[in-house]
């Protein structure tokens, strides 16, 4: 009788162990990447499926800082925030388009100083649209209005300016560890030509990365046209993509394509609501004038923006809206190019640095705020 009980207990243990192993196996299967990595003509091609590795919540945000509260004084108020940059000490640099200056705050959100002012003299700005902290710990300001790149020390001292007179419509310059500058510019030939290129520290062209001619028909607006996005990884490789397809190219320092990241996706249709909103924002209640025509695409582009964090992850903003309509889903890829997770973000990320996310948002009264979130990964 005792032997029979022992056999029964042993059988139960075997059953429970088998169930446990099945659950573990299912868990591993759930986190399995189903893409492929192959060599094609000397280029590593990473092909991703529609579904990420992780479907459960492996990414979370915790709000930890807000800058822009009205009751703290004028130093904490902004007219129109257009860009944000963070240095290695986590000081926060906020570029104000309308006020033509940069406000600097420490990592605790305390006001430190204001850099620049409106004008045409040394260290002054007209219509600055981008700001970045270079690896050499300088502040680079892209002044599209004055057609200059301005450089400042982190303490606000003016260093120099480089003329952009021969490089029109210079857009979102980023700087690598060798002080080279990667940016897009545009010039008019028979049509508009957009060029992504790498320049040295004095704006001499090193090589062209991408060039695209956008046909322009007088009186016809081509909305939702594809755009080019780019970033620089920690090893100075350049990651860029053109949003007509879900594909990113990774270039080494010499400009050679060494890796491609491709993802399968479902196109998102442009809704009638989006069309009506664009018409209202552009023309008001009168609508599109009789002498103008708008070409509407059926679907949105493959993606609408791209960011790289300092851990090498790539965040791609899709056109898939969160169910409550307050933001979009972002596809996240690891440094190898594998699609790891899809996350909802209610506000567009300006920068990821040291496991922190910085965004620009509005309060209930419509005042702009800079917020910092702690990023947590459970993978």
Protein backbone atom coordinates (compact mmCIF):
# COMPACT_ATOMS: atom_id res chain seq x y z
CA UNK A 1 0.00 0.00 0.00
CA UNK A 2 2.82 2.36 0.92
CA UNK A 3 4.61 1.52 -2.34
CA UNK A 4 1.43 2.36 -4.28
CA UNK A 5 1.22 5.79 -2.63
CA UNK A 6 4.87 6.46 -3.43
CA UNK A 7 4.26 5.56 -7.07
CA UNK A 8 1.24 7.87 -7.19
CA UNK A 9 3.24 10.75 -5.69
CA UNK A 10 6.09 10.08 -8.12
CA UNK A 11 3.63 10.11 -11.02
CA UNK A 12 2.16 13.44 -9.85
CA UNK A 13 5.65 14.93 -9.58
CA UNK A 14 6.41 13.83 -13.14
CA UNK A 15 3.14 15.37 -14.38
CA UNK A 16 3.74 18.70 -12.61
CA UNK A 17 7.33 18.79 -13.85
CA UNK A 18 6.15 18.14 -17.41
CA UNK A 19 3.57 20.95 -17.16
CA UNK A 20 6.25 23.27 -15.77
CA UNK A 21 8.61 22.47 -18.64
CA UNK A 22 5.81 23.06 -21.16
CA UNK A 23 5.10 26.47 -19.60
CA UNK A 24 8.79 27.35 -19.68
CA UNK A 25 9.00 26.20 -23.29
CA UNK A 26 5.94 28.29 -24.20
CA UNK A 27 7.48 31.27 -22.46
CA UNK A 28 10.66 30.89 -24.46
CA UNK A 29 8.70 30.42 -27.65
CA UNK A 30 6.78 33.61 -26.94
CA UNK A 31 10.06 35.56 -26.79
CA UNK A 32 11.52 34.00 -29.92
CA UNK A 33 12.68 36.25 -32.76
CA UNK A 34 11.30 35.03 -36.08
CA UNK A 35 13.37 37.14 -38.44
CA UNK A 36 16.47 36.32 -40.47
CA UNK A 37 20.02 37.65 -40.72
CA UNK A 38 21.79 37.04 -44.02
CA UNK A 39 24.77 38.36 -45.97
CA UNK A 40 23.80 39.94 -49.29
CA UNK A 41 26.59 41.39 -51.46
CA UNK A 42 28.76 42.00 -48.43
CA UNK A 43 25.97 43.67 -46.43
CA UNK A 44 24.35 42.13 -43.35
CA UNK A 45 20.59 42.23 -43.91
CA UNK A 46 18.31 41.89 -40.88
CA UNK A 47 14.74 41.08 -41.90
CA UNK A 48 12.10 41.49 -39.21
CA UNK A 49 8.54 40.14 -39.08
CA UNK A 50 5.50 42.22 -38.18
CA UNK A 51 5.50 40.94 -34.61
CA UNK A 52 8.23 41.85 -32.07
CA UNK A 53 10.12 39.44 -29.86
CA UNK A 54 8.28 40.55 -26.72
CA UNK A 55 4.54 41.11 -26.68
CA UNK A 56 4.19 41.68 -22.95
CA UNK A 57 4.99 44.97 -21.26
CA UNK A 58 8.80 45.08 -21.03
CA UNK A 59 9.08 48.88 -21.23
CA UNK A 60 7.76 51.41 -18.72
CA UNK A 61 8.08 55.11 -17.94
CA UNK A 62 8.04 56.95 -14.65
CA UNK A 63 7.71 60.75 -14.69
CA UNK A 64 10.42 62.31 -12.54
CA UNK A 65 10.85 65.95 -13.60
CA UNK A 66 8.77 68.80 -15.06
CA UNK A 67 10.22 72.14 -16.21
CA UNK A 68 7.83 74.93 -17.15
CA UNK A 69 5.64 75.47 -14.15
CA UNK A 70 4.08 78.93 -14.20
CA UNK A 71 4.42 79.63 -10.47
CA UNK A 72 8.22 79.39 -10.58
CA UNK A 73 8.84 82.63 -12.47
CA UNK A 74 9.70 83.81 -15.97
CA UNK A 75 12.87 81.69 -16.15
CA UNK A 76 10.64 78.61 -16.22
CA UNK A 77 8.29 79.85 -18.96
CA UNK A 78 8.70 79.28 -22.70
CA UNK A 79 7.27 80.89 -25.84
CA UNK A 80 7.82 78.06 -28.34
CA UNK A 81 10.10 75.13 -27.53
CA UNK A 82 11.50 73.69 -30.74
CA UNK A 83 14.36 71.46 -29.53
CA UNK A 84 15.99 69.98 -26.43
CA UNK A 85 19.53 68.75 -25.76
CA UNK A 86 21.20 67.02 -22.78
CA UNK A 87 24.88 67.07 -21.80
CA UNK A 88 26.84 64.36 -19.95
CA UNK A 89 26.02 65.95 -16.59
CA UNK A 90 22.30 65.73 -17.48
CA UNK A 91 21.94 69.49 -17.72
CA UNK A 92 18.98 70.36 -19.93
CA UNK A 93 19.25 72.85 -22.83
CA UNK A 94 15.92 74.14 -24.17
CA UNK A 95 15.87 76.04 -27.46
CA UNK A 96 13.06 78.61 -27.72
CA UNK A 97 12.23 79.52 -31.32
CA UNK A 98 10.26 82.71 -30.66
CA UNK A 99 12.55 84.09 -27.96
CA UNK A 100 15.71 83.10 -29.91
CA UNK A 101 17.65 81.83 -26.93
CA UNK A 102 18.58 78.70 -24.98
CA UNK A 103 17.55 78.22 -21.35
CA UNK A 104 19.74 75.87 -19.34
CA UNK A 105 18.60 73.87 -16.29
CA UNK A 106 20.47 71.40 -14.11
CA UNK A 107 19.37 67.78 -13.72
CA UNK A 108 17.14 68.78 -10.80
CA UNK A 109 15.28 71.26 -13.00
CA UNK A 110 16.81 74.39 -11.47
CA UNK A 111 17.42 77.32 -13.82
CA UNK A 112 21.11 78.02 -14.50
CA UNK A 113 21.46 80.51 -17.35
CA UNK A 114 20.17 81.82 -20.68
CA UNK A 115 22.40 81.61 -23.76
CA UNK A 116 22.01 83.88 -26.78
CA UNK A 117 19.44 86.46 -27.79
CA UNK A 118 17.76 87.76 -30.92
CA UNK A 119 20.07 89.68 -33.24
CA UNK A 120 22.70 89.43 -35.96
CA UNK A 121 25.89 89.84 -33.95
CA UNK A 122 28.26 87.21 -32.54
CA UNK A 123 26.37 84.80 -30.32
CA UNK A 124 22.98 86.14 -31.42
CA UNK A 125 20.27 84.25 -33.28
CA UNK A 126 17.45 84.94 -35.70
CA UNK A 127 15.53 81.70 -36.26
CA UNK A 128 17.31 78.80 -34.61
CA UNK A 129 15.60 75.48 -35.26
CA UNK A 130 17.95 72.79 -33.91
CA UNK A 131 20.36 72.31 -31.04
CA UNK A 132 22.76 69.50 -30.15
CA UNK A 133 25.57 68.87 -27.67
CA UNK A 134 28.63 67.69 -29.58
CA UNK A 135 31.02 64.95 -28.36
CA UNK A 136 33.50 67.79 -27.84
CA UNK A 137 31.12 69.32 -25.25
CA UNK A 138 30.09 72.28 -27.36
CA UNK A 139 26.59 73.54 -28.07
CA UNK A 140 25.82 73.56 -31.79
CA UNK A 141 22.88 75.73 -32.85
CA UNK A 142 21.44 75.55 -36.37
CA UNK A 143 20.24 79.09 -37.11
CA UNK A 144 18.17 78.63 -40.27
CA UNK A 145 17.09 82.26 -40.23
CA UNK A 146 20.62 83.68 -40.23
CA UNK A 147 22.01 80.73 -42.26
CA UNK A 148 24.74 80.04 -39.73
CA UNK A 149 25.84 77.27 -37.41
CA UNK A 150 26.69 78.82 -34.03
CA UNK A 151 28.99 77.15 -31.49
CA UNK A 152 29.00 77.89 -27.76
CA UNK A 153 30.79 76.49 -24.74
CA UNK A 154 28.55 74.73 -22.25
CA UNK A 155 28.85 77.75 -19.94
CA UNK A 156 27.36 79.93 -22.70
CA UNK A 157 30.52 81.60 -24.02
CA UNK A 158 30.34 82.17 -27.77
CA UNK A 159 33.00 80.31 -29.82
CA UNK A 160 32.35 80.80 -33.55
CA UNK A 161 29.85 80.65 -36.42
CA UNK A 162 30.03 78.81 -39.75
CA UNK A 163 28.22 80.19 -42.78
CA UNK A 164 25.48 78.10 -44.42
CA UNK A 165 25.11 80.48 -47.37
CA UNK A 166 26.21 77.78 -49.84
CA UNK A 167 24.26 74.97 -48.11
CA UNK A 168 20.60 76.06 -48.11
CA UNK A 169 17.90 74.66 -45.82
CA UNK A 170 20.40 72.90 -43.55
CA UNK A 171 18.43 70.55 -41.32
CA UNK A 172 19.08 68.75 -38.01
CA UNK A 173 22.90 68.56 -37.94
CA UNK A 174 24.37 65.79 -35.81
CA UNK A 175 28.05 65.51 -34.85
CA UNK A 176 30.24 62.42 -34.50
CA UNK A 177 33.31 61.90 -32.32
CA UNK A 178 35.61 63.18 -35.12
CA UNK A 179 33.68 66.49 -35.23
CA UNK A 180 32.15 65.60 -38.59
CA UNK A 181 28.61 66.85 -39.23
CA UNK A 182 25.78 64.82 -40.76
CA UNK A 183 22.82 66.86 -41.98
CA UNK A 184 20.28 67.20 -44.74
CA UNK A 185 20.02 70.19 -47.04
CA UNK A 186 17.86 71.15 -50.01
CA UNK A 187 18.39 73.08 -53.22
CA UNK A 188 16.22 73.90 -56.21
CA UNK A 189 17.09 72.63 -59.66
CA UNK A 190 14.22 71.77 -62.01
CA UNK A 191 12.61 70.52 -58.82
CA UNK A 192 13.44 70.31 -55.13
CA UNK A 193 16.47 68.11 -54.41
CA UNK A 194 17.01 66.82 -50.86
CA UNK A 195 20.51 65.63 -49.95
CA UNK A 196 21.76 63.86 -46.82
CA UNK A 197 25.52 64.29 -46.50
CA UNK A 198 28.53 64.12 -44.22
CA UNK A 199 30.69 67.24 -43.78
CA UNK A 200 33.91 67.91 -41.90
CA UNK A 201 34.08 70.37 -39.00
CA UNK A 202 34.41 73.31 -41.42
CA UNK A 203 31.43 72.21 -43.56
CA UNK A 204 33.50 70.80 -46.42
CA UNK A 205 31.64 67.93 -48.08
CA UNK A 206 33.09 64.47 -47.29
CA UNK A 207 30.50 62.31 -49.05
CA UNK A 208 26.84 62.22 -50.02
CA UNK A 209 24.70 59.61 -48.27
CA UNK A 210 21.36 60.01 -50.01
CA UNK A 211 19.81 62.26 -52.64
CA UNK A 212 16.20 62.47 -53.71
CA UNK A 213 14.48 64.69 -56.25
CA UNK A 214 10.94 65.69 -55.35
CA UNK A 215 8.92 66.79 -58.36
CA UNK A 216 7.00 70.01 -57.82
CA UNK A 217 3.95 70.89 -59.92
CA UNK A 218 2.75 74.52 -59.62
CA UNK A 219 -0.62 74.68 -57.90
CA UNK A 220 -0.50 71.04 -56.78
CA UNK A 221 0.38 70.06 -53.21
CA UNK A 222 1.83 66.60 -52.66
CA UNK A 223 1.04 65.91 -49.03
CA UNK A 224 2.56 63.29 -46.79
CA UNK A 225 5.61 62.99 -49.05
CA UNK A 226 8.37 60.66 -47.78
CA UNK A 227 11.09 62.14 -45.60
CA UNK A 228 14.63 61.22 -44.60
CA UNK A 229 15.65 60.52 -40.97
CA UNK A 230 19.09 59.80 -39.53
CA UNK A 231 21.17 59.45 -36.40
CA UNK A 232 24.68 58.63 -35.22
CA UNK A 233 25.51 55.58 -33.09
CA UNK A 234 28.21 55.47 -30.42
CA UNK A 235 30.73 53.98 -32.87
CA UNK A 236 30.11 56.87 -35.34
CA UNK A 237 28.14 54.66 -37.71
CA UNK A 238 25.31 56.49 -39.45
CA UNK A 239 21.78 55.08 -39.35
CA UNK A 240 19.36 56.52 -41.87
CA UNK A 241 16.11 55.70 -43.61
CA UNK A 242 13.77 57.16 -46.22
CA UNK A 243 10.17 56.71 -45.13
CA UNK A 244 8.81 55.47 -48.46
CA UNK A 245 9.73 51.98 -47.21
CA UNK A 246 10.44 50.39 -43.84
CA UNK A 247 14.19 50.08 -44.23
CA UNK A 248 17.20 51.55 -42.46
CA UNK A 249 20.79 51.59 -43.69
CA UNK A 250 23.80 51.55 -41.38
CA UNK A 251 26.98 53.11 -42.76
CA UNK A 252 30.50 52.90 -41.39
CA UNK A 253 32.69 56.00 -41.04
CA UNK A 254 33.77 55.79 -44.68
CA UNK A 255 30.16 55.75 -45.89
CA UNK A 256 29.97 52.05 -46.79
CA UNK A 257 26.67 50.28 -46.12
CA UNK A 258 27.45 47.50 -43.65
CA UNK A 259 23.96 46.57 -42.42
CA UNK A 260 20.32 46.95 -43.43
CA UNK A 261 17.35 46.68 -41.11
CA UNK A 262 14.08 45.79 -42.82
CA UNK A 263 10.66 45.25 -41.23
CA UNK A 264 7.42 43.89 -42.58
CA UNK A 265 4.44 46.08 -41.65
CA UNK A 266 0.80 46.85 -42.36
CA UNK A 267 0.33 50.22 -44.14
CA UNK A 268 -1.86 52.71 -42.25
CA UNK A 269 -4.54 54.40 -44.31
CA UNK A 270 -4.84 58.21 -44.25
CA UNK A 271 -8.24 58.90 -42.73
CA UNK A 272 -10.79 61.47 -43.83
CA UNK A 273 -10.48 63.04 -40.39
CA UNK A 274 -6.75 63.60 -40.94
CA UNK A 275 -7.41 65.17 -44.33
CA UNK A 276 -10.04 67.52 -42.90
CA UNK A 277 -7.76 68.52 -40.04
CA UNK A 278 -4.94 69.34 -42.45
CA UNK A 279 -7.28 71.44 -44.60
CA UNK A 280 -8.59 73.31 -41.53
CA UNK A 281 -5.08 73.94 -40.14
CA UNK A 282 -3.80 75.13 -43.53
CA UNK A 283 -6.71 77.02 -45.10
CA UNK A 284 -9.28 77.45 -42.35
CA UNK A 285 -13.03 77.11 -42.85
CA UNK A 286 -12.78 78.38 -46.45
CA UNK A 287 -11.10 75.14 -47.47
CA UNK A 288 -8.78 74.51 -50.41
CA UNK A 289 -8.80 77.45 -52.90
CA UNK A 290 -10.22 76.69 -56.37
CA UNK A 291 -6.85 77.35 -58.03
CA UNK A 292 -5.04 74.74 -55.93
CA UNK A 293 -5.13 70.96 -55.92
CA UNK A 294 -4.09 68.44 -53.29
CA UNK A 295 -2.77 64.98 -54.12
CA UNK A 296 -3.80 62.61 -51.35
CA UNK A 297 -1.97 59.32 -50.93
CA UNK A 298 -4.06 56.35 -49.86
CA UNK A 299 -1.68 55.30 -47.09
CA UNK A 300 0.80 56.97 -44.79
CA UNK A 301 4.51 56.42 -45.25
CA UNK A 302 6.17 53.42 -43.63
CA UNK A 303 7.19 55.49 -40.57
CA UNK A 304 7.22 59.11 -39.45
CA UNK A 305 10.38 59.59 -37.36
CA UNK A 306 13.39 57.81 -35.85
CA UNK A 307 15.49 58.22 -32.68
CA UNK A 308 18.55 56.41 -31.31
CA UNK A 309 19.26 56.12 -27.60
CA UNK A 310 22.75 55.97 -26.10
CA UNK A 311 22.39 52.21 -25.72
CA UNK A 312 22.11 51.75 -29.48
CA UNK A 313 18.37 51.02 -29.56
CA UNK A 314 16.43 52.44 -32.49
CA UNK A 315 12.96 53.92 -31.84
CA UNK A 316 10.79 54.21 -34.95
CA UNK A 317 7.57 56.21 -34.77
CA UNK A 318 4.82 54.49 -36.73
CA UNK A 319 1.48 55.89 -37.89
CA UNK A 320 -0.44 53.43 -35.71
CA UNK A 321 -2.32 55.45 -33.11
CA UNK A 322 -2.84 54.49 -29.49
CA UNK A 323 -6.47 53.47 -28.97
CA UNK A 324 -7.34 56.66 -27.05
CA UNK A 325 -5.85 58.81 -29.84
CA UNK A 326 -3.29 60.53 -27.61
CA UNK A 327 -0.13 59.27 -29.26
CA UNK A 328 1.52 56.68 -31.49
CA UNK A 329 3.17 53.30 -31.25
CA UNK A 330 6.92 53.08 -31.63
CA UNK A 331 8.80 50.04 -32.93
CA UNK A 332 11.99 49.42 -30.95
CA UNK A 333 15.01 47.58 -32.41
CA UNK A 334 18.09 46.39 -30.54
CA UNK A 335 21.59 47.44 -31.73
CA UNK A 336 21.76 44.34 -33.91
CA UNK A 337 18.58 45.39 -35.72
CA UNK A 338 16.14 42.88 -34.23
CA UNK A 339 12.59 44.11 -33.62
CA UNK A 340 12.20 43.66 -29.86
CA UNK A 341 9.01 45.44 -28.76
CA UNK A 342 6.24 47.85 -29.73
CA UNK A 343 5.58 50.62 -27.19
CA UNK A 344 2.94 53.36 -26.90
CA UNK A 345 4.20 56.93 -26.36
CA UNK A 346 1.80 59.80 -25.86
CA UNK A 347 4.43 62.46 -26.56
CA UNK A 348 7.16 62.56 -29.21
CA UNK A 349 10.56 61.74 -27.70
CA UNK A 350 13.15 64.48 -28.23
CA UNK A 351 16.08 62.59 -26.75
CA UNK A 352 16.92 59.36 -24.89
CA UNK A 353 19.99 59.59 -22.65
CA UNK A 354 21.19 57.66 -19.59
CA UNK A 355 17.93 55.68 -19.36
CA UNK A 356 15.92 58.89 -19.39
CA UNK A 357 13.37 60.11 -21.93
CA UNK A 358 12.83 63.84 -22.52
CA UNK A 359 9.62 65.14 -24.11
CA UNK A 360 7.89 68.46 -24.78
CA UNK A 361 4.26 68.54 -23.66
CA UNK A 362 1.51 71.03 -22.80
CA UNK A 363 -0.39 71.53 -19.57
CA UNK A 364 -4.15 72.09 -19.33
CA UNK A 365 -3.72 75.82 -20.04
CA UNK A 366 -1.65 75.17 -23.15
CA UNK A 367 1.73 76.16 -21.64
CA UNK A 368 4.70 74.15 -22.83
CA UNK A 369 6.57 71.86 -20.45
CA UNK A 370 9.72 69.77 -20.72
CA UNK A 371 9.28 66.44 -18.96
CA UNK A 372 11.81 63.79 -18.04
CA UNK A 373 10.85 60.16 -17.54
CA UNK A 374 12.82 57.30 -16.04
CA UNK A 375 12.96 54.45 -18.56
CA UNK A 376 12.77 50.89 -17.27
CA UNK A 377 13.38 47.74 -19.28
CA UNK A 378 12.52 44.25 -18.03
CA UNK A 379 14.44 42.34 -20.69
